[in-house]
Amino acid sequence: MLFSELQAKHVAAWNEKDAIRRDELLKTIYADDIKMYDRELILEGLKAVSDFVGKLIAEDPAYKFSVVKPIDPLQNSARLYGKIETSGGVLNSMDFFVIENGKVAHLYAFLEPAQ
């Protein structure tokens, strides 16, 4: 997998309002049994991740995810720094990807309020 493709499709998927298009994007970069972790939850599987993104978008009309630094690959992993705009303020994000068999198998999402 090209890391630039991962960045582009990850950002597009996390902003995609249409569930069918979002699912198609996610299938190209995430393993079917992906696990996503943050401080409050663990999501398992493509459907769970897609549903979570859909809920974020539906519940907050101000929601928008964007990149602040290009993806930074390291062996079978990469990190991506971004920001998330919400009606409650801006969050800084760092997504850490672990890649197995050409797709993201684990996604660790680190969030903190922007200063």
PDB file of N, CA and C in Angstrom:
ATOM      1  N   MET A   1       0.845  -1.182   0.000  1.00  0.00           N
ATOM      2  CA  MET A   1       0.000   0.000   0.000  1.00  0.00           C
ATOM      3  C   MET A   1       0.886   1.239   0.000  1.00  0.00           C
ATOM      4  N   LEU A   2       0.530   2.185  -0.818  1.00  0.00           N
ATOM      5  CA  LEU A   2       1.236   3.461  -0.816  1.00  0.00           C
ATOM      6  C   LEU A   2       0.720   4.312   0.339  1.00  0.00           C
ATOM      7  N   PHE A   3       1.628   4.892   1.075  1.00  0.00           N
ATOM      8  CA  PHE A   3       1.212   5.669   2.238  1.00  0.00           C
ATOM      9  C   PHE A   3       0.454   6.928   1.844  1.00  0.00           C
ATOM     10  N   SER A   4       0.782   7.508   0.697  1.00  0.00           N
ATOM     11  CA  SER A   4       0.034   8.683   0.238  1.00  0.00           C
ATOM     12  C   SER A   4      -1.416   8.307  -0.070  1.00  0.00           C
ATOM     13  N   GLU A   5      -1.620   7.098  -0.598  1.00  0.00           N
ATOM     14  CA  GLU A   5      -2.984   6.609  -0.852  1.00  0.00           C
ATOM     15  C   GLU A   5      -3.727   6.396   0.467  1.00  0.00           C
ATOM     16  N   LEU A   6      -3.044   5.835   1.451  1.00  0.00           N
ATOM     17  CA  LEU A   6      -3.647   5.643   2.768  1.00  0.00           C
ATOM     18  C   LEU A   6      -4.105   6.978   3.331  1.00  0.00           C
ATOM     19  N   GLN A   7      -3.245   7.986   3.273  1.00  0.00           N
ATOM     20  CA  GLN A   7      -3.602   9.310   3.800  1.00  0.00           C
ATOM     21  C   GLN A   7      -4.840   9.856   3.089  1.00  0.00           C
ATOM     22  N   ALA A   8      -4.823   9.858   1.784  1.00  0.00           N
ATOM     23  CA  ALA A   8      -5.926  10.445   1.011  1.00  0.00           C
ATOM     24  C   ALA A   8      -7.248   9.725   1.283  1.00  0.00           C
ATOM     25  N   LYS A   9      -7.225   8.401   1.274  1.00  0.00           N
ATOM     26  CA  LYS A   9      -8.464   7.642   1.468  1.00  0.00           C
ATOM     27  C   LYS A   9      -8.942   7.680   2.909  1.00  0.00           C
ATOM     28  N   HIS A  10      -8.018   7.704   3.857  1.00  0.00           N
ATOM     29  CA  HIS A  10      -8.393   7.803   5.267  1.00  0.00           C
ATOM     30  C   HIS A  10      -9.113   9.130   5.517  1.00  0.00           C
ATOM     31  N   VAL A  11      -8.546  10.218   5.041  1.00  0.00           N
ATOM     32  CA  VAL A  11      -9.168  11.535   5.233  1.00  0.00           C
ATOM     33  C   VAL A  11     -10.514  11.590   4.514  1.00  0.00           C
ATOM     34  N   ALA A  12     -10.562  11.096   3.287  1.00  0.00           N
ATOM     35  CA  ALA A  12     -11.823  11.112   2.536  1.00  0.00           C
ATOM     36  C   ALA A  12     -12.902  10.305   3.255  1.00  0.00           C
ATOM     37  N   ALA A  13     -12.544   9.123   3.745  1.00  0.00           N
ATOM     38  CA  ALA A  13     -13.521   8.266   4.424  1.00  0.00           C
ATOM     39  C   ALA A  13     -14.040   8.907   5.703  1.00  0.00           C
ATOM     40  N   TRP A  14     -13.158   9.548   6.450  1.00  0.00           N
ATOM     41  CA  TRP A  14     -13.556  10.149   7.719  1.00  0.00           C
ATOM     42  C   TRP A  14     -14.337  11.457   7.530  1.00  0.00           C
ATOM     43  N   ASN A  15     -14.511  11.887   6.285  1.00  0.00           N
ATOM     44  CA  ASN A  15     -15.350  13.043   5.975  1.00  0.00           C
ATOM     45  C   ASN A  15     -16.553  12.674   5.111  1.00  0.00           C
ATOM     46  N   GLU A  16     -16.661  11.412   4.719  1.00  0.00           N
ATOM     47  CA  GLU A  16     -17.699  10.975   3.782  1.00  0.00           C
ATOM     48  C   GLU A  16     -19.049  10.780   4.479  1.00  0.00           C
ATOM     49  N   LYS A  17     -20.050  11.518   4.030  1.00  0.00           N
ATOM     50  CA  LYS A  17     -21.391  11.438   4.617  1.00  0.00           C
ATOM     51  C   LYS A  17     -22.163  10.216   4.129  1.00  0.00           C
ATOM     52  N   ASP A  18     -21.914   9.801   2.898  1.00  0.00           N
ATOM     53  CA  ASP A  18     -22.630   8.670   2.322  1.00  0.00           C
ATOM     54  C   ASP A  18     -22.013   7.357   2.815  1.00  0.00           C
ATOM     55  N   ALA A  19     -22.800   6.550   3.504  1.00  0.00           N
ATOM     56  CA  ALA A  19     -22.287   5.319   4.119  1.00  0.00           C
ATOM     57  C   ALA A  19     -21.743   4.338   3.085  1.00  0.00           C
ATOM     58  N   ILE A  20     -22.378   4.230   1.933  1.00  0.00           N
ATOM     59  CA  ILE A  20     -21.926   3.281   0.911  1.00  0.00           C
ATOM     60  C   ILE A  20     -20.564   3.703   0.367  1.00  0.00           C
ATOM     61  N   ARG A  21     -20.414   4.978   0.066  1.00  0.00           N
ATOM     62  CA  ARG A  21     -19.110   5.464  -0.423  1.00  0.00           C
ATOM     63  C   ARG A  21     -18.042   5.342   0.662  1.00  0.00           C
ATOM     64  N   ARG A  22     -18.421   5.649   1.906  1.00  0.00           N
ATOM     65  CA  ARG A  22     -17.474   5.536   3.018  1.00  0.00           C
ATOM     66  C   ARG A  22     -17.008   4.093   3.176  1.00  0.00           C
ATOM     67  N   ASP A  23     -17.941   3.152   3.118  1.00  0.00           N
ATOM     68  CA  ASP A  23     -17.590   1.728   3.233  1.00  0.00           C
ATOM     69  C   ASP A  23     -16.624   1.307   2.127  1.00  0.00           C
ATOM     70  N   GLU A  24     -16.872   1.757   0.908  1.00  0.00           N
ATOM     71  CA  GLU A  24     -15.999   1.412  -0.215  1.00  0.00           C
ATOM     72  C   GLU A  24     -14.584   1.963  -0.005  1.00  0.00           C
ATOM     73  N   LEU A  25     -14.488   3.188   0.454  1.00  0.00           N
ATOM     74  CA  LEU A  25     -13.165   3.773   0.739  1.00  0.00           C
ATOM     75  C   LEU A  25     -12.451   2.970   1.827  1.00  0.00           C
ATOM     76  N   LEU A  26     -13.155   2.690   2.909  1.00  0.00           N
ATOM     77  CA  LEU A  26     -12.539   1.979   4.030  1.00  0.00           C
ATOM     78  C   LEU A  26     -12.069   0.581   3.625  1.00  0.00           C
ATOM     79  N   LYS A  27     -12.840  -0.110   2.797  1.00  0.00           N
ATOM     80  CA  LYS A  27     -12.473  -1.467   2.358  1.00  0.00           C
ATOM     81  C   LYS A  27     -11.149  -1.488   1.611  1.00  0.00           C
ATOM     82  N   THR A  28     -10.807  -0.390   0.962  1.00  0.00           N
ATOM     83  CA  THR A  28      -9.566  -0.374   0.186  1.00  0.00           C
ATOM     84  C   THR A  28      -8.325  -0.193   1.057  1.00  0.00           C
ATOM     85  N   ILE A  29      -8.489   0.315   2.272  1.00  0.00           N
ATOM     86  CA  ILE A  29      -7.319   0.602   3.115  1.00  0.00           C
ATOM     87  C   ILE A  29      -7.323  -0.118   4.460  1.00  0.00           C
ATOM     88  N   TYR A  30      -8.491  -0.526   4.942  1.00  0.00           N
ATOM     89  CA  TYR A  30      -8.605  -1.185   6.247  1.00  0.00           C
ATOM     90  C   TYR A  30      -8.881  -2.672   6.060  1.00  0.00           C
ATOM     91  N   ALA A  31      -8.300  -3.495   6.935  1.00  0.00           N
ATOM     92  CA  ALA A  31      -8.610  -4.923   6.971  1.00  0.00           C
ATOM     93  C   ALA A  31     -10.057  -5.109   7.425  1.00  0.00           C
ATOM     94  N   ASP A  32     -10.686  -6.188   6.986  1.00  0.00           N
ATOM     95  CA  ASP A  32     -12.076  -6.461   7.392  1.00  0.00           C
ATOM     96  C   ASP A  32     -12.215  -6.522   8.904  1.00  0.00           C
ATOM     97  N   ASP A  33     -11.190  -7.047   9.575  1.00  0.00           N
ATOM     98  CA  ASP A  33     -11.240  -7.210  11.032  1.00  0.00           C
ATOM     99  C   ASP A  33     -10.424  -6.146  11.767  1.00  0.00           C
ATOM    100  N   ILE A  34     -10.346  -4.949  11.189  1.00  0.00           N
ATOM    101  CA  ILE A  34      -9.600  -3.849  11.805  1.00  0.00           C
ATOM    102  C   ILE A  34     -10.051  -3.641  13.251  1.00  0.00           C
ATOM    103  N   LYS A  35      -9.100  -3.228  14.069  1.00  0.00           N
ATOM    104  CA  LYS A  35      -9.408  -2.804  15.431  1.00  0.00           C
ATOM    105  C   LYS A  35      -8.968  -1.351  15.548  1.00  0.00           C
ATOM    106  N   MET A  36      -9.879  -0.514  16.037  1.00  0.00           N
ATOM    107  CA  MET A  36      -9.581   0.897  16.246  1.00  0.00           C
ATOM    108  C   MET A  36      -9.670   1.184  17.740  1.00  0.00           C
ATOM    109  N   TYR A  37      -8.667   1.888  18.237  1.00  0.00           N
ATOM    110  CA  TYR A  37      -8.576   2.159  19.671  1.00  0.00           C
ATOM    111  C   TYR A  37      -8.509   3.664  19.909  1.00  0.00           C
ATOM    112  N   ASP A  38      -9.235   4.134  20.924  1.00  0.00           N
ATOM    113  CA  ASP A  38      -8.982   5.458  21.475  1.00  0.00           C
ATOM    114  C   ASP A  38      -9.144   5.351  22.985  1.00  0.00           C
ATOM    115  N   ARG A  39      -9.087   6.463  23.679  1.00  0.00           N
ATOM    116  CA  ARG A  39      -9.129   6.411  25.149  1.00  0.00           C
ATOM    117  C   ARG A  39     -10.405   5.802  25.693  1.00  0.00           C
ATOM    118  N   GLU A  40     -11.507   5.947  24.946  1.00  0.00           N
ATOM    119  CA  GLU A  40     -12.806   5.566  25.481  1.00  0.00           C
ATOM    120  C   GLU A  40     -13.402   4.300  24.889  1.00  0.00           C
ATOM    121  N   LEU A  41     -12.879   3.827  23.766  1.00  0.00           N
ATOM    122  CA  LEU A  41     -13.525   2.678  23.132  1.00  0.00           C
ATOM    123  C   LEU A  41     -12.564   1.880  22.276  1.00  0.00           C
ATOM    124  N   ILE A  42     -13.016   0.681  21.959  1.00  0.00           N
ATOM    125  CA  ILE A  42     -12.344  -0.168  20.982  1.00  0.00           C
ATOM    126  C   ILE A  42     -13.420  -0.604  20.000  1.00  0.00           C
ATOM    127  N   LEU A  43     -13.183  -0.324  18.726  1.00  0.00           N
ATOM    128  CA  LEU A  43     -14.104  -0.741  17.673  1.00  0.00           C
ATOM    129  C   LEU A  43     -13.481  -1.920  16.936  1.00  0.00           C
ATOM    130  N   GLU A  44     -14.311  -2.894  16.584  1.00  0.00           N
ATOM    131  CA  GLU A  44     -13.825  -4.066  15.869  1.00  0.00           C
ATOM    132  C   GLU A  44     -14.610  -4.252  14.578  1.00  0.00           C
ATOM    133  N   GLY A  45     -13.896  -4.255  13.456  1.00  0.00           N
ATOM    134  CA  GLY A  45     -14.493  -4.505  12.159  1.00  0.00           C
ATOM    135  C   GLY A  45     -14.812  -3.239  11.385  1.00  0.00           C
ATOM    136  N   LEU A  46     -14.839  -3.400  10.061  1.00  0.00           N
ATOM    137  CA  LEU A  46     -15.116  -2.275   9.160  1.00  0.00           C
ATOM    138  C   LEU A  46     -16.445  -1.601   9.447  1.00  0.00           C
ATOM    139  N   LYS A  47     -17.492  -2.391   9.663  1.00  0.00           N
ATOM    140  CA  LYS A  47     -18.817  -1.830   9.892  1.00  0.00           C
ATOM    141  C   LYS A  47     -18.830  -0.953  11.141  1.00  0.00           C
ATOM    142  N   ALA A  48     -18.189  -1.411  12.198  1.00  0.00           N
ATOM    143  CA  ALA A  48     -18.167  -0.635  13.440  1.00  0.00           C
ATOM    144  C   ALA A  48     -17.459   0.701  13.242  1.00  0.00           C
ATOM    145  N   VAL A  49     -16.346   0.689  12.511  1.00  0.00           N
ATOM    146  CA  VAL A  49     -15.617   1.930  12.250  1.00  0.00           C
ATOM    147  C   VAL A  49     -16.449   2.854  11.371  1.00  0.00           C
ATOM    148  N   SER A  50     -17.021   2.324  10.307  1.00  0.00           N
ATOM    149  CA  SER A  50     -17.838   3.144   9.407  1.00  0.00           C
ATOM    150  C   SER A  50     -19.044   3.729  10.133  1.00  0.00           C
ATOM    151  N   ASP A  51     -19.704   2.923  10.947  1.00  0.00           N
ATOM    152  CA  ASP A  51     -20.861   3.414  11.714  1.00  0.00           C
ATOM    153  C   ASP A  51     -20.440   4.520  12.678  1.00  0.00           C
ATOM    154  N   PHE A  52     -19.285   4.382  13.281  1.00  0.00           N
ATOM    155  CA  PHE A  52     -18.767   5.389  14.201  1.00  0.00           C
ATOM    156  C   PHE A  52     -18.527   6.715  13.472  1.00  0.00           C
ATOM    157  N   VAL A  53     -17.902   6.642  12.303  1.00  0.00           N
ATOM    158  CA  VAL A  53     -17.668   7.847  11.498  1.00  0.00           C
ATOM    159  C   VAL A  53     -19.002   8.480  11.115  1.00  0.00           C
ATOM    160  N   GLY A  54     -19.938   7.663  10.675  1.00  0.00           N
ATOM    161  CA  GLY A  54     -21.256   8.171  10.295  1.00  0.00           C
ATOM    162  C   GLY A  54     -21.948   8.884  11.439  1.00  0.00           C
ATOM    163  N   LYS A  55     -21.811   8.341  12.634  1.00  0.00           N
ATOM    164  CA  LYS A  55     -22.422   8.961  13.818  1.00  0.00           C
ATOM    165  C   LYS A  55     -21.769  10.314  14.115  1.00  0.00           C
ATOM    166  N   LEU A  56     -20.445  10.384  14.027  1.00  0.00           N
ATOM    167  CA  LEU A  56     -19.750  11.651  14.260  1.00  0.00           C
ATOM    168  C   LEU A  56     -20.245  12.722  13.293  1.00  0.00           C
ATOM    169  N   ILE A  57     -20.335  12.359  12.020  1.00  0.00           N
ATOM    170  CA  ILE A  57     -20.750  13.307  10.979  1.00  0.00           C
ATOM    171  C   ILE A  57     -22.208  13.723  11.178  1.00  0.00           C
ATOM    172  N   ALA A  58     -23.080  12.753  11.479  1.00  0.00           N
ATOM    173  CA  ALA A  58     -24.516  13.037  11.623  1.00  0.00           C
ATOM    174  C   ALA A  58     -24.819  13.894  12.847  1.00  0.00           C
ATOM    175  N   GLU A  59     -24.069  13.681  13.926  1.00  0.00           N
ATOM    176  CA  GLU A  59     -24.372  14.376  15.180  1.00  0.00           C
ATOM    177  C   GLU A  59     -23.787  15.773  15.271  1.00  0.00           C
ATOM    178  N   ASP A  60     -22.819  16.105  14.416  1.00  0.00           N
ATOM    179  CA  ASP A  60     -22.183  17.424  14.508  1.00  0.00           C
ATOM    180  C   ASP A  60     -21.976  18.003  13.116  1.00  0.00           C
ATOM    181  N   PRO A  61     -22.828  18.963  12.717  1.00  0.00           N
ATOM    182  CA  PRO A  61     -22.698  19.543  11.377  1.00  0.00           C
ATOM    183  C   PRO A  61     -21.378  20.284  11.155  1.00  0.00           C
ATOM    184  N   ALA A  62     -20.680  20.641  12.220  1.00  0.00           N
ATOM    185  CA  ALA A  62     -19.398  21.339  12.090  1.00  0.00           C
ATOM    186  C   ALA A  62     -18.234  20.360  11.907  1.00  0.00           C
ATOM    187  N   TYR A  63     -18.471  19.053  12.064  1.00  0.00           N
ATOM    188  CA  TYR A  63     -17.402  18.055  12.011  1.00  0.00           C
ATOM    189  C   TYR A  63     -16.658  18.098  10.678  1.00  0.00           C
ATOM    190  N   LYS A  64     -15.339  18.157  10.763  1.00  0.00           N
ATOM    191  CA  LYS A  64     -14.483  18.061   9.580  1.00  0.00           C
ATOM    192  C   LYS A  64     -13.099  17.609  10.028  1.00  0.00           C
ATOM    193  N   PHE A  65     -12.580  16.576   9.363  1.00  0.00           N
ATOM    194  CA  PHE A  65     -11.252  16.043   9.649  1.00  0.00           C
ATOM    195  C   PHE A  65     -10.308  16.477   8.536  1.00  0.00           C
ATOM    196  N   SER A  66      -9.133  16.979   8.900  1.00  0.00           N
ATOM    197  CA  SER A  66      -8.147  17.373   7.896  1.00  0.00           C
ATOM    198  C   SER A  66      -6.737  17.071   8.405  1.00  0.00           C
ATOM    199  N   VAL A  67      -5.799  17.049   7.475  1.00  0.00           N
ATOM    200  CA  VAL A  67      -4.404  16.730   7.759  1.00  0.00           C
ATOM    201  C   VAL A  67      -3.627  18.010   8.053  1.00  0.00           C
ATOM    202  N   VAL A  68      -2.715  17.947   9.038  1.00  0.00           N
ATOM    203  CA  VAL A  68      -1.843  19.095   9.297  1.00  0.00           C
ATOM    204  C   VAL A  68      -0.387  18.811   8.924  1.00  0.00           C
ATOM    205  N   LYS A  69      -0.026  17.518   8.818  1.00  0.00           N
ATOM    206  CA  LYS A  69       1.309  17.114   8.374  1.00  0.00           C
ATOM    207  C   LYS A  69       1.162  15.864   7.516  1.00  0.00           C
ATOM    208  N   PRO A  70       1.952  15.719   6.472  1.00  0.00           N
ATOM    209  CA  PRO A  70       1.866  14.515   5.639  1.00  0.00           C
ATOM    210  C   PRO A  70       2.139  13.249   6.454  1.00  0.00           C
ATOM    211  N   ILE A  71       1.567  12.156   6.005  1.00  0.00           N
ATOM    212  CA  ILE A  71       1.733  10.874   6.680  1.00  0.00           C
ATOM    213  C   ILE A  71       3.226  10.549   6.813  1.00  0.00           C
ATOM    214  N   ASP A  72       3.583   9.946   7.933  1.00  0.00           N
ATOM    215  CA  ASP A  72       4.975   9.651   8.266  1.00  0.00           C
ATOM    216  C   ASP A  72       5.115   8.135   8.444  1.00  0.00           C
ATOM    217  N   PRO A  73       5.569   7.410   7.399  1.00  0.00           N
ATOM    218  CA  PRO A  73       5.674   5.953   7.482  1.00  0.00           C
ATOM    219  C   PRO A  73       6.925   5.484   8.217  1.00  0.00           C
ATOM    220  N   LEU A  74       6.810   4.300   8.834  1.00  0.00           N
ATOM    221  CA  LEU A  74       7.931   3.642   9.492  1.00  0.00           C
ATOM    222  C   LEU A  74       7.689   2.136   9.446  1.00  0.00           C
ATOM    223  N   GLN A  75       8.446   1.441   8.619  1.00  0.00           N
ATOM    224  CA  GLN A  75       8.303  -0.015   8.452  1.00  0.00           C
ATOM    225  C   GLN A  75       6.855  -0.369   8.116  1.00  0.00           C
ATOM    226  N   ASN A  76       6.189  -1.142   8.981  1.00  0.00           N
ATOM    227  CA  ASN A  76       4.806  -1.546   8.719  1.00  0.00           C
ATOM    228  C   ASN A  76       3.804  -0.675   9.486  1.00  0.00           C
ATOM    229  N   SER A  77       4.170   0.581   9.707  1.00  0.00           N
ATOM    230  CA  SER A  77       3.296   1.484  10.449  1.00  0.00           C
ATOM    231  C   SER A  77       3.424   2.894   9.880  1.00  0.00           C
ATOM    232  N   ALA A  78       2.566   3.765  10.364  1.00  0.00           N
ATOM    233  CA  ALA A  78       2.623   5.172   9.964  1.00  0.00           C
ATOM    234  C   ALA A  78       1.839   5.991  10.966  1.00  0.00           C
ATOM    235  N   ARG A  79       2.170   7.281  11.016  1.00  0.00           N
ATOM    236  CA  ARG A  79       1.383   8.193  11.842  1.00  0.00           C
ATOM    237  C   ARG A  79       0.939   9.361  10.972  1.00  0.00           C
ATOM    238  N   LEU A  80      -0.217   9.893  11.342  1.00  0.00           N
ATOM    239  CA  LEU A  80      -0.804  10.990  10.581  1.00  0.00           C
ATOM    240  C   LEU A  80      -1.353  12.015  11.570  1.00  0.00           C
ATOM    241  N   TYR A  81      -0.819  13.230  11.499  1.00  0.00           N
ATOM    242  CA  TYR A  81      -1.289  14.307  12.361  1.00  0.00           C
ATOM    243  C   TYR A  81      -2.384  15.085  11.653  1.00  0.00           C
ATOM    244  N   GLY A  82      -3.465  15.341  12.374  1.00  0.00           N
ATOM    245  CA  GLY A  82      -4.579  16.063  11.788  1.00  0.00           C
ATOM    246  C   GLY A  82      -5.266  16.949  12.799  1.00  0.00           C
ATOM    247  N   LYS A  83      -6.369  17.523  12.356  1.00  0.00           N
ATOM    248  CA  LYS A  83      -7.222  18.289  13.255  1.00  0.00           C
ATOM    249  C   LYS A  83      -8.663  17.950  12.935  1.00  0.00           C
ATOM    250  N   ILE A  84      -9.484  18.039  13.956  1.00  0.00           N
ATOM    251  CA  ILE A  84     -10.900  17.758  13.814  1.00  0.00           C
ATOM    252  C   ILE A  84     -11.656  18.989  14.294  1.00  0.00           C
ATOM    253  N   GLU A  85     -12.398  19.563  13.374  1.00  0.00           N
ATOM    254  CA  GLU A  85     -13.233  20.704  13.730  1.00  0.00           C
ATOM    255  C   GLU A  85     -14.581  20.168  14.197  1.00  0.00           C
ATOM    256  N   THR A  86     -15.049  20.675  15.340  1.00  0.00           N
ATOM    257  CA  THR A  86     -16.353  20.290  15.867  1.00  0.00           C
ATOM    258  C   THR A  86     -17.061  21.551  16.358  1.00  0.00           C
ATOM    259  N   SER A  87     -18.344  21.424  16.634  1.00  0.00           N
ATOM    260  CA  SER A  87     -19.077  22.571  17.166  1.00  0.00           C
ATOM    261  C   SER A  87     -18.603  22.919  18.575  1.00  0.00           C
ATOM    262  N   GLY A  88     -17.917  21.981  19.236  1.00  0.00           N
ATOM    263  CA  GLY A  88     -17.384  22.230  20.572  1.00  0.00           C
ATOM    264  C   GLY A  88     -15.950  22.725  20.577  1.00  0.00           C
ATOM    265  N   GLY A  89     -15.365  22.919  19.405  1.00  0.00           N
ATOM    266  CA  GLY A  89     -13.984  23.380  19.312  1.00  0.00           C
ATOM    267  C   GLY A  89     -13.155  22.467  18.435  1.00  0.00           C
ATOM    268  N   VAL A  90     -11.884  22.780  18.347  1.00  0.00           N
ATOM    269  CA  VAL A  90     -10.961  22.025  17.490  1.00  0.00           C
ATOM    270  C   VAL A  90     -10.171  21.033  18.332  1.00  0.00           C
ATOM    271  N   LEU A  91      -9.996  19.837  17.786  1.00  0.00           N
ATOM    272  CA  LEU A  91      -9.172  18.811  18.421  1.00  0.00           C
ATOM    273  C   LEU A  91      -7.954  18.544  17.548  1.00  0.00           C
ATOM    274  N   ASN A  92      -6.815  18.354  18.179  1.00  0.00           N
ATOM    275  CA  ASN A  92      -5.637  17.859  17.475  1.00  0.00           C
ATOM    276  C   ASN A  92      -5.707  16.340  17.502  1.00  0.00           C
ATOM    277  N   SER A  93      -5.296  15.715  16.408  1.00  0.00           N
ATOM    278  CA  SER A  93      -5.340  14.254  16.355  1.00  0.00           C
ATOM    279  C   SER A  93      -4.022  13.703  15.841  1.00  0.00           C
ATOM    280  N   MET A  94      -3.739  12.493  16.269  1.00  0.00           N
ATOM    281  CA  MET A  94      -2.630  11.732  15.718  1.00  0.00           C
ATOM    282  C   MET A  94      -3.147  10.310  15.565  1.00  0.00           C
ATOM    283  N   ASP A  95      -3.214   9.847  14.334  1.00  0.00           N
ATOM    284  CA  ASP A  95      -3.635   8.484  14.050  1.00  0.00           C
ATOM    285  C   ASP A  95      -2.389   7.651  13.794  1.00  0.00           C
ATOM    286  N   PHE A  96      -2.306   6.521  14.481  1.00  0.00           N
ATOM    287  CA  PHE A  96      -1.180   5.607  14.312  1.00  0.00           C
ATOM    288  C   PHE A  96      -1.719   4.319  13.696  1.00  0.00           C
ATOM    289  N   PHE A  97      -1.196   3.969  12.529  1.00  0.00           N
ATOM    290  CA  PHE A  97      -1.654   2.813  11.766  1.00  0.00           C
ATOM    291  C   PHE A  97      -0.639   1.683  11.862  1.00  0.00           C
ATOM    292  N   VAL A  98      -1.111   0.459  12.090  1.00  0.00           N
ATOM    293  CA  VAL A  98      -0.293  -0.742  11.981  1.00  0.00           C
ATOM    294  C   VAL A  98      -0.834  -1.515  10.781  1.00  0.00           C
ATOM    295  N   ILE A  99       0.055  -1.799   9.841  1.00  0.00           N
ATOM    296  CA  ILE A  99      -0.343  -2.410   8.581  1.00  0.00           C
ATOM    297  C   ILE A  99       0.101  -3.868   8.544  1.00  0.00           C
ATOM    298  N   GLU A 100      -0.851  -4.726   8.194  1.00  0.00           N
ATOM    299  CA  GLU A 100      -0.589  -6.153   8.037  1.00  0.00           C
ATOM    300  C   GLU A 100      -1.219  -6.604   6.720  1.00  0.00           C
ATOM    301  N   ASN A 101      -0.485  -7.348   5.930  1.00  0.00           N
ATOM    302  CA  ASN A 101      -0.992  -7.866   4.650  1.00  0.00           C
ATOM    303  C   ASN A 101      -1.544  -6.757   3.756  1.00  0.00           C
ATOM    304  N   GLY A 102      -0.893  -5.601   3.769  1.00  0.00           N
ATOM    305  CA  GLY A 102      -1.239  -4.525   2.862  1.00  0.00           C
ATOM    306  C   GLY A 102      -2.400  -3.634   3.270  1.00  0.00           C
ATOM    307  N   LYS A 103      -2.964  -3.870   4.461  1.00  0.00           N
ATOM    308  CA  LYS A 103      -4.085  -3.044   4.923  1.00  0.00           C
ATOM    309  C   LYS A 103      -3.907  -2.708   6.404  1.00  0.00           C
ATOM    310  N   VAL A 104      -4.603  -1.657   6.827  1.00  0.00           N
ATOM    311  CA  VAL A 104      -4.532  -1.242   8.227  1.00  0.00           C
ATOM    312  C   VAL A 104      -5.254  -2.278   9.082  1.00  0.00           C
ATOM    313  N   ALA A 105      -4.516  -2.894  10.002  1.00  0.00           N
ATOM    314  CA  ALA A 105      -5.086  -3.888  10.906  1.00  0.00           C
ATOM    315  C   ALA A 105      -5.428  -3.270  12.260  1.00  0.00           C
ATOM    316  N   HIS A 106      -4.665  -2.249  12.650  1.00  0.00           N
ATOM    317  CA  HIS A 106      -4.880  -1.562  13.922  1.00  0.00           C
ATOM    318  C   HIS A 106      -4.746  -0.068  13.699  1.00  0.00           C
ATOM    319  N   LEU A 107      -5.682   0.683  14.279  1.00  0.00           N
ATOM    320  CA  LEU A 107      -5.667   2.140  14.207  1.00  0.00           C
ATOM    321  C   LEU A 107      -5.808   2.677  15.615  1.00  0.00           C
ATOM    322  N   TYR A 108      -4.794   3.412  16.048  1.00  0.00           N
ATOM    323  CA  TYR A 108      -4.809   4.054  17.361  1.00  0.00           C
ATOM    324  C   TYR A 108      -5.057   5.542  17.143  1.00  0.00           C
ATOM    325  N   ALA A 109      -6.124   6.065  17.734  1.00  0.00           N
ATOM    326  CA  ALA A 109      -6.499   7.469  17.547  1.00  0.00           C
ATOM    327  C   ALA A 109      -6.239   8.243  18.840  1.00  0.00           C
ATOM    328  N   PHE A 110      -5.312   9.175  18.773  1.00  0.00           N
ATOM    329  CA  PHE A 110      -4.977  10.029  19.903  1.00  0.00           C
ATOM    330  C   PHE A 110      -5.592  11.400  19.656  1.00  0.00           C
ATOM    331  N   LEU A 111      -6.345  11.906  20.627  1.00  0.00           N
ATOM    332  CA  LEU A 111      -7.015  13.207  20.483  1.00  0.00           C
ATOM    333  C   LEU A 111      -6.721  14.078  21.696  1.00  0.00           C
ATOM    334  N   GLU A 112      -6.633  15.389  21.437  1.00  0.00           N
ATOM    335  CA  GLU A 112      -6.513  16.349  22.535  1.00  0.00           C
ATOM    336  C   GLU A 112      -7.061  17.694  22.048  1.00  0.00           C
ATOM    337  N   PRO A 113      -7.598  18.474  22.959  1.00  0.00           N
ATOM    338  CA  PRO A 113      -8.096  19.804  22.561  1.00  0.00           C
ATOM    339  C   PRO A 113      -6.958  20.648  22.001  1.00  0.00           C
ATOM    340  N   ALA A 114      -7.236  21.390  20.935  1.00  0.00           N
ATOM    341  CA  ALA A 114      -6.234  22.297  20.369  1.00  0.00           C
ATOM    342  C   ALA A 114      -6.062  23.470  21.322  1.00  0.00           C
ATOM    343  N   GLN A 115      -4.875  24.032  21.299  1.00  0.00           N
ATOM    344  CA  GLN A 115      -4.594  25.170  22.193  1.00  0.00           C
ATOM    345  C   GLN A 115      -4.758  26.467  21.493  1.00  0.00           C
TER     346      GLN A 115
END
